[in-house]
N, C-alpha and C. Protein backbone atom coordinates (compact mmCIF):
# COMPACT_ATOMS: atom_id res chain seq x y z
N MET A 1 92.44 59.75 -41.41
CA MET A 1 92.65 58.72 -39.68
C MET A 1 93.75 58.87 -39.71
N ASN A 2 94.78 58.34 -38.16
CA ASN A 2 95.53 57.99 -38.42
C ASN A 2 96.04 56.45 -38.68
N SER A 3 97.31 56.65 -39.81
CA SER A 3 97.57 54.89 -39.45
C SER A 3 97.56 53.95 -38.45
N ALA A 4 98.59 55.01 -37.21
CA ALA A 4 99.20 54.73 -36.54
C ALA A 4 98.54 54.09 -35.55
N GLU A 5 96.73 54.45 -35.52
CA GLU A 5 96.47 53.73 -34.60
C GLU A 5 95.36 52.07 -35.07
N LEU A 6 96.04 51.95 -36.48
CA LEU A 6 95.35 50.79 -36.75
C LEU A 6 95.94 49.46 -36.79
N LYS A 7 95.78 48.71 -36.41
CA LYS A 7 96.07 47.70 -36.69
C LYS A 7 95.90 46.36 -37.83
N PHE A 8 97.03 45.60 -38.24
CA PHE A 8 96.83 45.32 -40.33
C PHE A 8 97.48 43.83 -40.23
N THR A 9 96.66 43.30 -41.09
CA THR A 9 96.69 41.61 -40.70
C THR A 9 98.28 41.38 -41.98
N LYS A 10 98.43 40.11 -42.62
CA LYS A 10 99.01 40.04 -43.24
C LYS A 10 98.26 39.93 -44.68
N ASP A 11 97.07 39.67 -44.50
CA ASP A 11 96.18 39.79 -46.11
C ASP A 11 95.94 41.05 -46.21
N HIS A 12 96.74 42.20 -46.06
CA HIS A 12 96.52 43.46 -46.06
C HIS A 12 95.02 44.36 -45.53
N ILE A 13 94.72 43.77 -44.68
CA ILE A 13 93.34 44.13 -44.31
C ILE A 13 93.93 45.41 -42.75
N TRP A 14 93.00 46.41 -42.56
CA TRP A 14 93.58 47.27 -41.72
C TRP A 14 91.50 47.30 -40.85
N ILE A 15 91.94 47.01 -39.62
CA ILE A 15 90.94 47.30 -38.19
C ILE A 15 91.58 48.30 -37.07
N LYS A 16 90.23 49.36 -36.78
CA LYS A 16 90.47 50.21 -36.23
C LYS A 16 88.83 50.09 -35.22
N SER A 17 89.46 50.01 -33.70
CA SER A 17 89.01 49.50 -32.60
C SER A 17 87.86 50.91 -33.00
N ILE A 18 86.03 50.47 -32.50
CA ILE A 18 85.85 51.58 -32.47
C ILE A 18 84.76 51.48 -30.87
N SER A 19 84.20 50.26 -30.84
CA SER A 19 84.38 50.16 -28.83
C SER A 19 84.86 48.75 -28.84
N GLU A 20 84.24 48.33 -27.09
CA GLU A 20 84.61 46.88 -26.95
C GLU A 20 84.73 45.63 -28.15
N ASP A 21 84.05 45.37 -29.02
CA ASP A 21 84.54 44.00 -29.57
C ASP A 21 83.64 44.95 -31.24
N LEU A 22 83.54 45.97 -31.21
CA LEU A 22 83.10 46.50 -32.88
C LEU A 22 84.30 47.08 -33.23
N TYR A 23 84.21 46.70 -34.81
CA TYR A 23 85.74 47.31 -34.91
C TYR A 23 85.53 48.00 -36.64
N GLN A 24 86.16 48.51 -37.23
CA GLN A 24 85.79 49.33 -38.87
C GLN A 24 87.26 49.00 -39.48
N VAL A 25 86.51 47.85 -41.07
CA VAL A 25 87.62 47.08 -41.41
C VAL A 25 88.02 47.71 -42.57
N GLY A 26 89.07 47.84 -42.96
CA GLY A 26 89.68 48.48 -44.86
C GLY A 26 90.16 47.76 -45.45
N ILE A 27 90.70 48.17 -45.96
CA ILE A 27 92.35 47.64 -46.81
C ILE A 27 93.06 48.95 -47.18
N THR A 28 94.06 48.21 -47.44
CA THR A 28 95.19 48.36 -46.83
C THR A 28 95.83 49.45 -48.24
N ASP A 29 97.26 50.69 -48.77
CA ASP A 29 97.22 51.23 -49.26
C ASP A 29 97.90 50.16 -50.20
N TYR A 30 98.52 49.52 -49.80
CA TYR A 30 99.30 48.85 -50.37
C TYR A 30 98.78 47.97 -51.69
N ALA A 31 97.27 47.08 -50.53
CA ALA A 31 95.84 46.47 -51.43
C ALA A 31 95.70 46.92 -52.32
N GLN A 32 94.88 48.51 -52.36
CA GLN A 32 94.70 48.75 -53.55
C GLN A 32 95.28 49.49 -54.17
N ASP A 33 96.25 50.04 -54.25
CA ASP A 33 97.33 50.12 -55.02
C ASP A 33 97.73 48.48 -55.92
N LEU A 34 97.72 47.74 -55.19
CA LEU A 34 97.94 46.59 -56.72
C LEU A 34 96.57 45.81 -57.01
N LEU A 35 95.87 46.49 -56.97
CA LEU A 35 94.62 46.22 -57.07
C LEU A 35 93.83 46.81 -57.89
N GLY A 36 94.35 47.74 -58.02
CA GLY A 36 93.81 49.31 -59.13
C GLY A 36 92.65 49.37 -58.75
N ASP A 37 91.62 50.26 -59.74
CA ASP A 37 90.09 50.55 -59.22
C ASP A 37 89.25 49.97 -58.96
N ILE A 38 88.44 49.41 -57.69
CA ILE A 38 88.07 49.22 -57.30
C ILE A 38 86.40 49.58 -57.32
N VAL A 39 85.62 48.49 -58.52
CA VAL A 39 84.38 48.96 -58.91
C VAL A 39 83.93 47.86 -58.01
N PHE A 40 83.80 47.01 -57.51
CA PHE A 40 82.60 45.99 -56.72
C PHE A 40 83.08 46.24 -55.39
N ILE A 41 82.23 45.68 -54.25
CA ILE A 41 82.53 45.31 -52.93
C ILE A 41 80.93 44.29 -52.35
N GLU A 42 81.36 43.48 -53.07
CA GLU A 42 80.39 42.16 -51.82
C GLU A 42 80.88 42.07 -50.74
N LEU A 43 80.06 41.80 -49.62
CA LEU A 43 80.03 41.71 -47.91
C LEU A 43 79.33 40.19 -47.99
N LYS A 44 79.02 39.38 -46.65
CA LYS A 44 78.69 38.32 -45.66
C LYS A 44 77.94 39.15 -45.46
N GLU A 45 76.71 40.19 -45.29
CA GLU A 45 76.42 41.33 -43.92
C GLU A 45 75.37 39.87 -42.96
N ASN A 46 75.81 39.89 -41.85
CA ASN A 46 74.47 39.31 -40.81
C ASN A 46 74.83 38.00 -40.06
N GLU A 47 76.12 37.19 -41.57
CA GLU A 47 76.51 35.78 -41.19
C GLU A 47 77.74 36.28 -40.65
N THR A 48 78.39 34.84 -39.93
CA THR A 48 79.07 34.45 -38.79
C THR A 48 79.87 34.03 -39.57
N VAL A 49 81.79 33.87 -39.78
CA VAL A 49 82.42 34.41 -40.72
C VAL A 49 83.42 33.84 -39.40
N ASN A 50 83.88 32.61 -39.72
CA ASN A 50 85.73 31.82 -39.14
C ASN A 50 86.84 32.42 -39.85
N PHE A 51 87.41 32.61 -39.16
CA PHE A 51 89.19 33.16 -39.00
C PHE A 51 89.66 32.86 -40.10
N ALA A 52 89.83 33.54 -40.81
CA ALA A 52 91.09 33.01 -42.51
C ALA A 52 89.97 32.71 -43.67
N ASP A 53 88.77 33.11 -42.85
CA ASP A 53 87.72 32.62 -44.10
C ASP A 53 87.67 33.91 -45.23
N ALA A 54 86.80 33.75 -46.08
CA ALA A 54 86.51 34.79 -46.82
C ALA A 54 84.94 35.37 -45.97
N PHE A 55 85.06 37.25 -45.62
CA PHE A 55 83.82 37.65 -45.82
C PHE A 55 83.52 38.45 -46.91
N GLY A 56 84.15 38.83 -47.40
CA GLY A 56 83.27 39.36 -48.50
C GLY A 56 84.84 38.90 -50.27
N VAL A 57 84.67 40.30 -50.72
CA VAL A 57 85.04 39.84 -52.08
C VAL A 57 84.82 41.45 -52.47
N ILE A 58 86.23 41.96 -53.23
CA ILE A 58 86.25 43.35 -53.79
C ILE A 58 86.79 42.82 -55.02
N GLU A 59 86.39 43.00 -56.00
CA GLU A 59 86.59 43.64 -57.20
C GLU A 59 87.15 44.80 -57.29
N SER A 60 88.43 44.69 -59.06
CA SER A 60 88.68 45.84 -59.37
C SER A 60 88.55 44.93 -60.85
N VAL A 61 89.76 46.43 -61.70
CA VAL A 61 88.77 46.56 -63.52
C VAL A 61 89.85 45.50 -63.73
N LYS A 62 91.36 45.26 -62.61
CA LYS A 62 92.33 44.34 -63.04
C LYS A 62 92.14 42.83 -62.39
N THR A 63 91.38 42.70 -61.42
CA THR A 63 91.21 41.18 -60.33
C THR A 63 90.07 41.61 -59.56
N ALA A 64 89.65 40.51 -59.28
CA ALA A 64 88.89 40.63 -58.20
C ALA A 64 89.56 39.36 -57.14
N SER A 65 89.42 39.73 -55.68
CA SER A 65 90.14 39.59 -54.44
C SER A 65 89.83 38.99 -53.30
N ASP A 66 89.64 38.22 -52.47
CA ASP A 66 88.62 37.16 -51.47
C ASP A 66 89.23 38.72 -49.75
N LEU A 67 88.07 39.15 -49.09
CA LEU A 67 88.47 39.51 -47.80
C LEU A 67 89.23 38.82 -46.87
N ILE A 68 89.62 38.87 -46.54
CA ILE A 68 90.16 37.99 -45.98
C ILE A 68 90.11 38.04 -44.29
N SER A 69 89.19 37.00 -43.22
CA SER A 69 89.08 37.81 -41.95
C SER A 69 89.92 37.07 -40.83
N PRO A 70 89.80 38.70 -40.16
CA PRO A 70 91.27 38.27 -39.16
C PRO A 70 90.85 38.34 -37.82
N CYS A 71 89.70 37.73 -37.72
CA CYS A 71 88.99 36.89 -36.83
C CYS A 71 87.93 36.16 -36.93
N ASP A 72 87.06 35.33 -35.87
CA ASP A 72 85.88 34.55 -36.53
C ASP A 72 85.24 36.36 -36.28
N LEU A 73 83.69 36.32 -37.51
CA LEU A 73 83.43 37.75 -36.66
C LEU A 73 81.79 37.67 -37.74
N LYS A 74 80.94 38.52 -37.35
CA LYS A 74 79.70 39.19 -37.63
C LYS A 74 79.81 40.26 -37.88
N ILE A 75 80.21 41.13 -39.77
CA ILE A 75 79.61 41.68 -40.31
C ILE A 75 78.42 42.50 -39.19
N THR A 76 77.87 44.40 -38.91
CA THR A 76 76.73 44.00 -38.52
C THR A 76 76.60 45.36 -38.76
N LYS A 77 77.24 46.21 -39.80
CA LYS A 77 77.22 47.48 -40.63
C LYS A 77 78.36 46.91 -41.46
N ILE A 78 77.48 47.94 -43.32
CA ILE A 78 78.17 47.75 -44.80
C ILE A 78 77.97 49.45 -44.51
N ASN A 79 79.39 50.00 -45.33
CA ASN A 79 79.35 51.04 -45.07
C ASN A 79 78.30 51.71 -46.63
N HIS A 80 77.79 51.58 -46.55
CA HIS A 80 76.89 52.35 -47.86
C HIS A 80 77.63 53.22 -48.66
N GLU A 81 77.44 54.23 -48.09
CA GLU A 81 77.78 55.55 -48.30
C GLU A 81 79.71 55.22 -49.25
N LEU A 82 79.97 54.72 -49.15
CA LEU A 82 81.27 54.25 -49.73
C LEU A 82 80.64 52.78 -51.02
N MET A 83 79.61 52.47 -51.05
CA MET A 83 79.33 51.72 -51.80
C MET A 83 78.89 52.22 -53.04
N ASP A 84 78.08 53.52 -52.86
CA ASP A 84 78.20 54.36 -53.69
C ASP A 84 79.38 54.92 -54.60
N ASN A 85 80.00 55.23 -53.15
CA ASN A 85 81.69 56.29 -54.02
C ASN A 85 83.01 55.05 -53.55
N LEU A 86 82.97 53.91 -54.51
CA LEU A 86 84.22 53.04 -54.60
C LEU A 86 85.53 53.71 -54.80
N THR A 87 85.60 55.03 -55.85
CA THR A 87 86.85 56.02 -56.10
C THR A 87 87.55 55.74 -54.55
N ASN A 88 86.47 56.07 -53.50
CA ASN A 88 87.09 56.51 -51.81
C ASN A 88 88.48 55.56 -51.60
N VAL A 89 88.01 54.24 -51.88
CA VAL A 89 89.42 53.33 -51.58
C VAL A 89 89.74 53.55 -51.95
N ASN A 90 90.63 53.64 -53.60
CA ASN A 90 91.49 54.21 -53.26
C ASN A 90 92.31 55.64 -53.56
N ASP A 91 91.03 56.40 -53.38
CA ASP A 91 92.07 57.83 -53.44
C ASP A 91 92.49 58.15 -51.67
N SER A 92 92.19 57.35 -50.39
CA SER A 92 92.53 57.43 -49.20
C SER A 92 91.38 55.67 -48.37
N PRO A 93 92.47 55.03 -48.76
CA PRO A 93 92.22 53.82 -47.70
C PRO A 93 92.27 53.69 -46.82
N TYR A 94 92.56 53.90 -46.00
CA TYR A 94 92.46 54.43 -44.25
C TYR A 94 91.15 55.36 -43.93
N GLU A 95 90.86 55.99 -44.81
CA GLU A 95 89.93 56.59 -44.44
C GLU A 95 88.27 56.04 -44.69
N SER A 96 88.80 55.04 -45.45
CA SER A 96 87.16 54.28 -46.21
C SER A 96 87.88 52.45 -46.08
N TRP A 97 86.63 53.28 -44.44
CA TRP A 97 85.98 51.70 -44.08
C TRP A 97 85.09 50.92 -44.81
N ILE A 98 84.72 49.86 -44.72
CA ILE A 98 84.45 48.81 -45.92
C ILE A 98 82.82 48.49 -45.49
N CYS A 99 83.55 48.22 -43.75
CA CYS A 99 82.03 47.52 -42.71
C CYS A 99 82.39 47.30 -41.62
N GLU A 100 81.34 46.96 -40.50
CA GLU A 100 81.99 47.42 -39.29
C GLU A 100 80.96 45.80 -38.81
N ILE A 101 82.34 45.01 -38.24
CA ILE A 101 82.27 43.73 -37.15
C ILE A 101 82.61 43.59 -35.89
N LYS A 102 81.70 42.53 -35.39
CA LYS A 102 81.42 42.53 -34.11
C LYS A 102 82.72 40.92 -34.44
N SER A 103 83.75 41.26 -33.56
CA SER A 103 84.56 40.34 -33.21
C SER A 103 84.01 38.82 -32.48
N LEU A 104 84.11 38.13 -32.58
CA LEU A 104 84.04 36.86 -31.84
C LEU A 104 84.69 35.46 -31.70
N SER A 105 86.07 36.24 -31.98
CA SER A 105 87.74 36.29 -30.99
C SER A 105 88.39 36.71 -31.11
N GLU A 106 90.12 36.40 -30.77
CA GLU A 106 91.23 37.14 -31.07
C GLU A 106 91.51 37.75 -31.81
N PHE A 107 91.93 38.53 -32.74
CA PHE A 107 92.78 38.97 -33.90
C PHE A 107 93.77 37.96 -33.58
N GLU A 108 94.35 38.54 -35.30
CA GLU A 108 95.84 37.59 -35.47
C GLU A 108 96.01 38.87 -36.71
N THR A 109 96.99 40.36 -35.50
CA THR A 109 97.46 41.51 -36.28
C THR A 109 98.98 41.39 -36.32
N ILE A 110 99.15 42.17 -36.83
CA ILE A 110 100.48 42.71 -37.15
C ILE A 110 100.42 44.06 -36.93
N SER A 111 101.88 44.80 -36.41
CA SER A 111 101.89 46.24 -36.29
C SER A 111 102.30 47.19 -37.26
N LYS A 112 101.68 48.32 -37.55
CA LYS A 112 102.43 49.07 -38.69
C LYS A 112 103.55 48.53 -38.89
N ALA A 113 104.70 48.46 -38.08
CA ALA A 113 106.21 48.25 -39.08
C ALA A 113 106.35 47.19 -38.74
N GLU A 114 105.83 46.09 -38.62
CA GLU A 114 104.80 45.19 -39.13
C GLU A 114 105.06 44.33 -40.44
N TYR A 115 103.77 45.47 -41.00
CA TYR A 115 102.82 44.85 -42.19
C TYR A 115 104.29 45.76 -43.21
N GLU A 116 104.83 47.02 -42.36
CA GLU A 116 105.62 47.65 -43.97
C GLU A 116 106.61 46.84 -44.22
N LYS A 117 107.16 46.64 -42.83
CA LYS A 117 108.73 45.42 -42.73
C LYS A 117 107.97 44.01 -44.28
N LEU A 118 106.29 43.96 -44.23
CA LEU A 118 106.03 42.45 -45.03
C LEU A 118 106.10 43.13 -46.58
N VAL A 119 105.38 44.19 -46.55
CA VAL A 119 105.26 44.81 -48.08
C VAL A 119 106.51 45.27 -48.44
N GLY A 120 107.13 46.12 -47.56
CA GLY A 120 108.62 45.71 -47.89
C GLY A 120 109.00 47.31 -49.17
């Protein structure tokens, strides 16, 4: 996947539009590098989550980190294939979507250039 077609959040989430109000989300290369080897991801499937609240937790051998919602959302689909092989998150984070969401409000995102400047 070309990361130029993605939007980013300051909380290290990438977002890709797949239809009018459906999106795939994952973590950025920077986030996976900081976390180290991913061992577990827990998501709040079919729950409505408010902007800036946690929609899940990602755990690595080093630490656990909340996945912060970039908008009001509802998780509509979990990438179970990824959950069976979490090393893909570390190997190719921009091809490894974690879940699909339905947006229930506007996103608070930044461009790729702004994100790269943020993580500098």
